[in-house]
Amino acid sequence: MDVNKFRAICRPIRIIVGLALIAYGVYSGIQWFYLGFIPLIAGLVNFCPACIITKKCDTPSK
């Protein structure tokens, strides 16, 4: 997969997963799902810990 395509879908997926985990946490009352704030914040500030570990999508050069 092209790095730019991976970068383009990675951020929205993190935001959606974060929101889904938080919503399920509110619905079920299980507080562990509030950890969905981690992928949500990572998506909003465009930071991807998985990209750093896997080297799939390096940050753009300045």
Protein backbone atom coordinates (compact mmCIF):
# COMPACT_ATOMS: atom_id res chain seq x y z
CA MET A 1 0.00 0.00 0.00
CA ASP A 2 1.21 3.47 -0.86
CA VAL A 3 2.35 5.48 2.16
CA ASN A 4 0.15 8.45 1.24
CA LYS A 5 -2.94 6.24 0.96
CA PHE A 6 -2.16 4.65 4.31
CA ARG A 7 -1.74 8.10 5.87
CA ALA A 8 -5.04 9.24 4.36
CA ILE A 9 -7.07 6.42 5.93
CA CYS A 10 -5.14 6.05 9.19
CA ARG A 11 -6.26 9.31 10.82
CA PRO A 12 -10.04 8.94 10.22
CA ILE A 13 -9.92 5.34 11.41
CA ARG A 14 -8.26 6.41 14.68
CA ILE A 15 -10.91 9.06 15.24
CA ILE A 16 -13.80 6.68 14.47
CA VAL A 17 -12.37 3.93 16.68
CA GLY A 18 -11.84 6.39 19.53
CA LEU A 19 -15.39 7.71 19.30
CA ALA A 20 -16.82 4.19 19.06
CA LEU A 21 -14.93 3.04 22.16
CA ILE A 22 -16.04 6.07 24.14
CA ALA A 23 -19.66 5.65 23.02
CA TYR A 24 -19.64 1.98 23.99
CA GLY A 25 -18.12 2.89 27.35
CA VAL A 26 -20.93 5.35 28.00
CA TYR A 27 -23.53 2.82 26.83
CA SER A 28 -22.21 -0.17 28.79
CA GLY A 29 -20.87 1.64 31.84
CA ILE A 30 -17.51 -0.15 31.57
CA GLN A 31 -14.92 2.49 32.30
CA TRP A 32 -12.11 0.70 30.44
CA PHE A 33 -13.64 1.81 27.15
CA TYR A 34 -12.93 5.44 28.06
CA LEU A 35 -9.39 4.64 26.94
CA GLY A 36 -10.86 5.46 23.53
CA PHE A 37 -9.68 8.99 24.26
CA ILE A 38 -6.16 7.84 23.35
CA PRO A 39 -6.87 7.05 19.66
CA LEU A 40 -9.28 9.99 19.48
CA ILE A 41 -6.68 12.51 20.63
CA ALA A 42 -4.00 10.83 18.51
CA GLY A 43 -6.25 11.21 15.48
CA LEU A 44 -7.14 14.80 16.22
CA VAL A 45 -3.53 15.93 16.60
CA ASN A 46 -2.41 13.69 13.71
CA PHE A 47 0.00 11.61 15.78
CA CYS A 48 0.18 7.87 15.20
CA PRO A 49 2.13 5.71 17.65
CA ALA A 50 1.59 2.66 15.42
CA CYS A 51 3.23 4.47 12.50
CA ILE A 52 6.29 5.17 14.60
CA ILE A 53 6.59 1.51 15.63
CA THR A 54 5.87 -0.04 12.21
CA LYS A 55 7.54 2.68 10.09
CA LYS A 56 4.57 2.44 7.69
CA CYS A 57 3.85 6.14 7.41
CA ASP A 58 6.71 8.39 8.39
CA THR A 59 5.94 11.98 9.21
CA PRO A 60 6.35 14.25 6.22
CA SER A 61 9.75 15.89 5.83
CA LYS A 62 9.95 19.60 6.52
